[in-house]
């Protein structure tokens, strides 16, 4: 199920950070339905006339700590 996130969720899902608010993501049907019921996401209705939009995956890294003198 493709949904559009309505909230920014902290933490990770399957080792990746949750997408930002307004970004579309594919979720299993049962998980997407629960997210929509809770108001965290809305279902995306795909039409045959609109081209499918690719969403970018952003990897974030934690900067290494440096010693302060």
PDB file of N, CA and C in Angstrom:
ATOM      1  N   UNK A   1       0.859  -1.179   0.000  1.00  0.00           N
ATOM      2  CA  UNK A   1       0.000   0.000   0.000  1.00  0.00           C
ATOM      3  C   UNK A   1       0.898   1.232   0.000  1.00  0.00           C
ATOM      4  N   UNK A   2       0.634   2.129  -0.927  1.00  0.00           N
ATOM      5  CA  UNK A   2       1.399   3.372  -1.004  1.00  0.00           C
ATOM      6  C   UNK A   2       0.668   4.439  -0.206  1.00  0.00           C
ATOM      7  N   UNK A   3       1.394   5.073   0.723  1.00  0.00           N
ATOM      8  CA  UNK A   3       0.805   6.110   1.569  1.00  0.00           C
ATOM      9  C   UNK A   3       1.691   7.351   1.554  1.00  0.00           C
ATOM     10  N   UNK A   4       1.086   8.478   1.876  1.00  0.00           N
ATOM     11  CA  UNK A   4       1.812   9.736   2.004  1.00  0.00           C
ATOM     12  C   UNK A   4       1.851  10.081   3.485  1.00  0.00           C
ATOM     13  N   UNK A   5       3.041  10.252   4.018  1.00  0.00           N
ATOM     14  CA  UNK A   5       3.207  10.516   5.442  1.00  0.00           C
ATOM     15  C   UNK A   5       2.644  11.889   5.807  1.00  0.00           C
ATOM     16  N   UNK A   6       1.918  11.948   6.895  1.00  0.00           N
ATOM     17  CA  UNK A   6       1.355  13.201   7.388  1.00  0.00           C
ATOM     18  C   UNK A   6       2.126  13.727   8.590  1.00  0.00           C
ATOM     19  N   UNK A   7       2.896  12.853   9.228  1.00  0.00           N
ATOM     20  CA  UNK A   7       3.675  13.208  10.413  1.00  0.00           C
ATOM     21  C   UNK A   7       5.105  12.728  10.234  1.00  0.00           C
ATOM     22  N   UNK A   8       6.029  13.362  10.926  1.00  0.00           N
ATOM     23  CA  UNK A   8       7.402  12.870  10.963  1.00  0.00           C
ATOM     24  C   UNK A   8       7.512  11.907  12.138  1.00  0.00           C
ATOM     25  N   UNK A   9       7.858  10.672  11.846  1.00  0.00           N
ATOM     26  CA  UNK A   9       8.002   9.653  12.878  1.00  0.00           C
ATOM     27  C   UNK A   9       9.487   9.512  13.179  1.00  0.00           C
ATOM     28  N   UNK A  10       9.831   9.517  14.461  1.00  0.00           N
ATOM     29  CA  UNK A  10      11.233   9.368  14.837  1.00  0.00           C
ATOM     30  C   UNK A  10      11.595   7.895  14.899  1.00  0.00           C
ATOM     31  N   UNK A  11      12.867   7.628  14.797  1.00  0.00           N
ATOM     32  CA  UNK A  11      13.334   6.248  14.875  1.00  0.00           C
ATOM     33  C   UNK A  11      13.443   5.616  13.501  1.00  0.00           C
ATOM     34  N   UNK A  12      13.629   4.303  13.516  1.00  0.00           N
ATOM     35  CA  UNK A  12      13.836   3.584  12.265  1.00  0.00           C
ATOM     36  C   UNK A  12      12.794   2.495  12.080  1.00  0.00           C
ATOM     37  N   UNK A  13      12.683   2.057  10.842  1.00  0.00           N
ATOM     38  CA  UNK A  13      11.815   0.941  10.467  1.00  0.00           C
ATOM     39  C   UNK A  13      12.633   0.063   9.543  1.00  0.00           C
ATOM     40  N   UNK A  14      12.863  -1.165   9.944  1.00  0.00           N
ATOM     41  CA  UNK A  14      13.696  -2.090   9.167  1.00  0.00           C
ATOM     42  C   UNK A  14      15.082  -1.509   8.881  1.00  0.00           C
ATOM     43  N   UNK A  15      15.639  -0.800   9.851  1.00  0.00           N
ATOM     44  CA  UNK A  15      16.991  -0.266   9.731  1.00  0.00           C
ATOM     45  C   UNK A  15      17.124   1.042   8.985  1.00  0.00           C
ATOM     46  N   UNK A  16      16.018   1.615   8.517  1.00  0.00           N
ATOM     47  CA  UNK A  16      16.061   2.903   7.806  1.00  0.00           C
ATOM     48  C   UNK A  16      15.160   3.898   8.522  1.00  0.00           C
ATOM     49  N   UNK A  17      15.545   5.177   8.461  1.00  0.00           N
ATOM     50  CA  UNK A  17      14.716   6.204   9.092  1.00  0.00           C
ATOM     51  C   UNK A  17      13.392   6.352   8.356  1.00  0.00           C
ATOM     52  N   UNK A  18      12.336   6.705   9.097  1.00  0.00           N
ATOM     53  CA  UNK A  18      11.031   6.949   8.489  1.00  0.00           C
ATOM     54  C   UNK A  18      11.136   8.155   7.562  1.00  0.00           C
ATOM     55  N   UNK A  19      10.373   8.176   6.475  1.00  0.00           N
ATOM     56  CA  UNK A  19      10.415   9.334   5.570  1.00  0.00           C
ATOM     57  C   UNK A  19       9.800  10.564   6.227  1.00  0.00           C
ATOM     58  N   UNK A  20      10.160  11.721   5.709  1.00  0.00           N
ATOM     59  CA  UNK A  20       9.650  12.986   6.239  1.00  0.00           C
ATOM     60  C   UNK A  20       8.170  13.159   5.903  1.00  0.00           C
ATOM     61  N   UNK A  21       7.541  14.087   6.580  1.00  0.00           N
ATOM     62  CA  UNK A  21       6.145  14.416   6.315  1.00  0.00           C
ATOM     63  C   UNK A  21       6.002  14.867   4.870  1.00  0.00           C
ATOM     64  N   UNK A  22       4.983  14.349   4.165  1.00  0.00           N
ATOM     65  CA  UNK A  22       4.731  14.710   2.778  1.00  0.00           C
ATOM     66  C   UNK A  22       5.364  13.769   1.768  1.00  0.00           C
ATOM     67  N   UNK A  23       6.185  12.829   2.220  1.00  0.00           N
ATOM     68  CA  UNK A  23       6.866  11.892   1.330  1.00  0.00           C
ATOM     69  C   UNK A  23       6.046  10.613   1.229  1.00  0.00           C
ATOM     70  N   UNK A  24       5.998  10.040   0.021  1.00  0.00           N
ATOM     71  CA  UNK A  24       5.264   8.794  -0.197  1.00  0.00           C
ATOM     72  C   UNK A  24       6.170   7.603   0.090  1.00  0.00           C
ATOM     73  N   UNK A  25       5.557   6.529   0.608  1.00  0.00           N
ATOM     74  CA  UNK A  25       6.304   5.321   0.937  1.00  0.00           C
ATOM     75  C   UNK A  25       5.405   4.111   0.723  1.00  0.00           C
ATOM     76  N   UNK A  26       6.002   2.992   0.318  1.00  0.00           N
ATOM     77  CA  UNK A  26       5.269   1.733   0.187  1.00  0.00           C
ATOM     78  C   UNK A  26       5.359   0.971   1.502  1.00  0.00           C
ATOM     79  N   UNK A  27       4.217   0.550   2.012  1.00  0.00           N
ATOM     80  CA  UNK A  27       4.146  -0.233   3.243  1.00  0.00           C
ATOM     81  C   UNK A  27       3.302  -1.475   2.995  1.00  0.00           C
ATOM     82  N   UNK A  28       3.490  -2.514   3.814  1.00  0.00           N
ATOM     83  CA  UNK A  28       2.577  -3.648   3.718  1.00  0.00           C
ATOM     84  C   UNK A  28       1.143  -3.164   3.963  1.00  0.00           C
ATOM     85  N   UNK A  29       0.164  -3.812   3.340  1.00  0.00           N
ATOM     86  CA  UNK A  29      -1.234  -3.355   3.430  1.00  0.00           C
ATOM     87  C   UNK A  29      -1.714  -3.176   4.866  1.00  0.00           C
ATOM     88  N   UNK A  30      -1.418  -4.152   5.736  1.00  0.00           N
ATOM     89  CA  UNK A  30      -1.921  -4.058   7.110  1.00  0.00           C
ATOM     90  C   UNK A  30      -1.273  -2.882   7.858  1.00  0.00           C
ATOM     91  N   UNK A  31       0.012  -2.631   7.600  1.00  0.00           N
ATOM     92  CA  UNK A  31       0.700  -1.525   8.269  1.00  0.00           C
ATOM     93  C   UNK A  31       0.227  -0.177   7.727  1.00  0.00           C
ATOM     94  N   UNK A  32       0.044  -0.080   6.418  1.00  0.00           N
ATOM     95  CA  UNK A  32      -0.451   1.149   5.813  1.00  0.00           C
ATOM     96  C   UNK A  32      -1.851   1.490   6.295  1.00  0.00           C
ATOM     97  N   UNK A  33      -2.702   0.460   6.427  1.00  0.00           N
ATOM     98  CA  UNK A  33      -4.067   0.691   6.915  1.00  0.00           C
ATOM     99  C   UNK A  33      -4.058   1.214   8.351  1.00  0.00           C
ATOM    100  N   UNK A  34      -3.179   0.671   9.188  1.00  0.00           N
ATOM    101  CA  UNK A  34      -3.084   1.138  10.580  1.00  0.00           C
ATOM    102  C   UNK A  34      -2.570   2.576  10.639  1.00  0.00           C
ATOM    103  N   UNK A  35      -1.591   2.902   9.788  1.00  0.00           N
ATOM    104  CA  UNK A  35      -1.058   4.263   9.763  1.00  0.00           C
ATOM    105  C   UNK A  35      -2.132   5.257   9.328  1.00  0.00           C
ATOM    106  N   UNK A  36      -2.953   4.880   8.346  1.00  0.00           N
ATOM    107  CA  UNK A  36      -4.028   5.751   7.872  1.00  0.00           C
ATOM    108  C   UNK A  36      -5.111   5.902   8.940  1.00  0.00           C
ATOM    109  N   UNK A  37      -5.448   4.813   9.606  1.00  0.00           N
ATOM    110  CA  UNK A  37      -6.475   4.863  10.649  1.00  0.00           C
ATOM    111  C   UNK A  37      -6.036   5.749  11.817  1.00  0.00           C
ATOM    112  N   UNK A  38      -4.731   5.773  12.088  1.00  0.00           N
ATOM    113  CA  UNK A  38      -4.207   6.587  13.187  1.00  0.00           C
ATOM    114  C   UNK A  38      -4.011   8.050  12.782  1.00  0.00           C
ATOM    115  N   UNK A  39      -4.117   8.355  11.486  1.00  0.00           N
ATOM    116  CA  UNK A  39      -3.938   9.725  11.018  1.00  0.00           C
ATOM    117  C   UNK A  39      -2.490  10.084  10.735  1.00  0.00           C
ATOM    118  N   UNK A  40      -1.602   9.090  10.763  1.00  0.00           N
ATOM    119  CA  UNK A  40      -0.185   9.338  10.496  1.00  0.00           C
ATOM    120  C   UNK A  40       0.116   9.395   9.008  1.00  0.00           C
ATOM    121  N   UNK A  41      -0.793   8.852   8.185  1.00  0.00           N
ATOM    122  CA  UNK A  41      -0.588   8.816   6.743  1.00  0.00           C
ATOM    123  C   UNK A  41      -1.941   8.825   6.045  1.00  0.00           C
ATOM    124  N   UNK A  42      -1.916   9.113   4.741  1.00  0.00           N
ATOM    125  CA  UNK A  42      -3.115   9.036   3.914  1.00  0.00           C
ATOM    126  C   UNK A  42      -2.797   8.158   2.715  1.00  0.00           C
ATOM    127  N   UNK A  43      -3.764   7.380   2.247  1.00  0.00           N
ATOM    128  CA  UNK A  43      -3.494   6.520   1.092  1.00  0.00           C
ATOM    129  C   UNK A  43      -3.273   7.352  -0.172  1.00  0.00           C
ATOM    130  N   UNK A  44      -2.384   6.870  -1.021  1.00  0.00           N
ATOM    131  CA  UNK A  44      -2.105   7.525  -2.298  1.00  0.00           C
ATOM    132  C   UNK A  44      -2.912   6.794  -3.360  1.00  0.00           C
ATOM    133  N   UNK A  45      -3.726   7.553  -4.086  1.00  0.00           N
ATOM    134  CA  UNK A  45      -4.522   6.972  -5.164  1.00  0.00           C
ATOM    135  C   UNK A  45      -3.772   7.213  -6.460  1.00  0.00           C
ATOM    136  N   UNK A  46      -3.318   6.137  -7.081  1.00  0.00           N
ATOM    137  CA  UNK A  46      -2.581   6.258  -8.338  1.00  0.00           C
ATOM    138  C   UNK A  46      -3.572   6.220  -9.492  1.00  0.00           C
ATOM    139  N   UNK A  47      -3.385   7.129 -10.442  1.00  0.00           N
ATOM    140  CA  UNK A  47      -4.233   7.166 -11.620  1.00  0.00           C
ATOM    141  C   UNK A  47      -3.422   6.724 -12.828  1.00  0.00           C
ATOM    142  N   UNK A  48      -4.100   6.239 -13.845  1.00  0.00           N
ATOM    143  CA  UNK A  48      -3.426   5.753 -15.043  1.00  0.00           C
ATOM    144  C   UNK A  48      -2.827   6.893 -15.860  1.00  0.00           C
ATOM    145  N   UNK A  49      -3.357   8.118 -15.729  1.00  0.00           N
ATOM    146  CA  UNK A  49      -2.873   9.228 -16.535  1.00  0.00           C
ATOM    147  C   UNK A  49      -1.670   9.924 -15.914  1.00  0.00           C
ATOM    148  N   UNK A  50      -1.505   9.831 -14.623  1.00  0.00           N
ATOM    149  CA  UNK A  50      -0.391  10.507 -13.960  1.00  0.00           C
ATOM    150  C   UNK A  50       0.846   9.615 -13.986  1.00  0.00           C
ATOM    151  N   UNK A  51       2.003  10.176 -14.325  1.00  0.00           N
ATOM    152  CA  UNK A  51       3.219   9.369 -14.314  1.00  0.00           C
ATOM    153  C   UNK A  51       3.615   9.010 -12.884  1.00  0.00           C
ATOM    154  N   UNK A  52       4.183   7.835 -12.721  1.00  0.00           N
ATOM    155  CA  UNK A  52       4.604   7.406 -11.396  1.00  0.00           C
ATOM    156  C   UNK A  52       5.827   8.214 -10.985  1.00  0.00           C
ATOM    157  N   UNK A  53       5.795   8.758  -9.787  1.00  0.00           N
ATOM    158  CA  UNK A  53       6.871   9.599  -9.292  1.00  0.00           C
ATOM    159  C   UNK A  53       7.823   8.747  -8.471  1.00  0.00           C
ATOM    160  N   UNK A  54       9.090   8.842  -8.799  1.00  0.00           N
ATOM    161  CA  UNK A  54      10.116   8.140  -8.038  1.00  0.00           C
ATOM    162  C   UNK A  54      10.436   8.963  -6.792  1.00  0.00           C
ATOM    163  N   UNK A  55      10.539   8.306  -5.667  1.00  0.00           N
ATOM    164  CA  UNK A  55      10.920   8.998  -4.451  1.00  0.00           C
ATOM    165  C   UNK A  55      12.364   8.647  -4.127  1.00  0.00           C
ATOM    166  N   UNK A  56      13.097   9.616  -3.677  1.00  0.00           N
ATOM    167  CA  UNK A  56      14.513   9.408  -3.383  1.00  0.00           C
ATOM    168  C   UNK A  56      14.682   8.840  -1.985  1.00  0.00           C
ATOM    169  N   UNK A  57      15.675   8.010  -1.848  1.00  0.00           N
ATOM    170  CA  UNK A  57      16.030   7.483  -0.541  1.00  0.00           C
ATOM    171  C   UNK A  57      17.227   8.267  -0.046  1.00  0.00           C
ATOM    172  N   UNK A  58      17.097   8.810   1.142  1.00  0.00           N
ATOM    173  CA  UNK A  58      18.172   9.602   1.707  1.00  0.00           C
ATOM    174  C   UNK A  58      18.790   8.824   2.851  1.00  0.00           C
ATOM    175  N   UNK A  59      20.090   8.590   2.743  1.00  0.00           N
ATOM    176  CA  UNK A  59      20.790   7.930   3.828  1.00  0.00           C
ATOM    177  C   UNK A  59      21.418   8.997   4.695  1.00  0.00           C
ATOM    178  N   UNK A  60      21.224   8.860   5.977  1.00  0.00           N
ATOM    179  CA  UNK A  60      21.825   9.812   6.888  1.00  0.00           C
ATOM    180  C   UNK A  60      22.908   9.104   7.683  1.00  0.00           C
ATOM    181  N   UNK A  61      23.975   9.813   7.928  1.00  0.00           N
ATOM    182  CA  UNK A  61      25.042   9.260   8.739  1.00  0.00           C
ATOM    183  C   UNK A  61      25.262  10.158   9.937  1.00  0.00           C
ATOM    184  N   UNK A  62      25.691   9.570  10.995  1.00  0.00           N
ATOM    185  CA  UNK A  62      25.982  10.318  12.204  1.00  0.00           C
ATOM    186  C   UNK A  62      27.427  10.771  12.120  1.00  0.00           C
ATOM    187  N   UNK A  63      27.680  12.076  12.271  1.00  0.00           N
ATOM    188  CA  UNK A  63      29.052  12.537  12.184  1.00  0.00           C
ATOM    189  C   UNK A  63      29.908  11.958  13.323  1.00  0.00           C
ATOM    190  N   UNK A  64      31.168  11.708  12.998  1.00  0.00           N
ATOM    191  CA  UNK A  64      32.070  11.175  14.018  1.00  0.00           C
ATOM    192  C   UNK A  64      32.356  12.255  15.039  1.00  0.00           C
ATOM    193  N   UNK A  65      32.475  11.836  16.284  1.00  0.00           N
ATOM    194  CA  UNK A  65      32.801  12.785  17.340  1.00  0.00           C
ATOM    195  C   UNK A  65      34.295  13.097  17.291  1.00  0.00           C
ATOM    196  N   UNK A  66      34.609  14.331  17.561  1.00  0.00           N
ATOM    197  CA  UNK A  66      36.000  14.740  17.634  1.00  0.00           C
ATOM    198  C   UNK A  66      36.303  15.186  19.046  1.00  0.00           C
ATOM    199  N   UNK A  67      37.529  15.011  19.431  1.00  0.00           N
ATOM    200  CA  UNK A  67      37.924  15.434  20.779  1.00  0.00           C
ATOM    201  C   UNK A  67      38.089  16.941  20.815  1.00  0.00           C
ATOM    202  N   UNK A  68      37.651  17.509  21.883  1.00  0.00           N
ATOM    203  CA  UNK A  68      37.832  18.947  22.081  1.00  0.00           C
ATOM    204  C   UNK A  68      38.997  19.135  23.052  1.00  0.00           C
ATOM    205  N   UNK A  69      39.821  20.120  22.790  1.00  0.00           N
ATOM    206  CA  UNK A  69      40.954  20.340  23.692  1.00  0.00           C
ATOM    207  C   UNK A  69      40.635  21.334  24.770  1.00  0.00           C
TER     208      UNK A  69
END
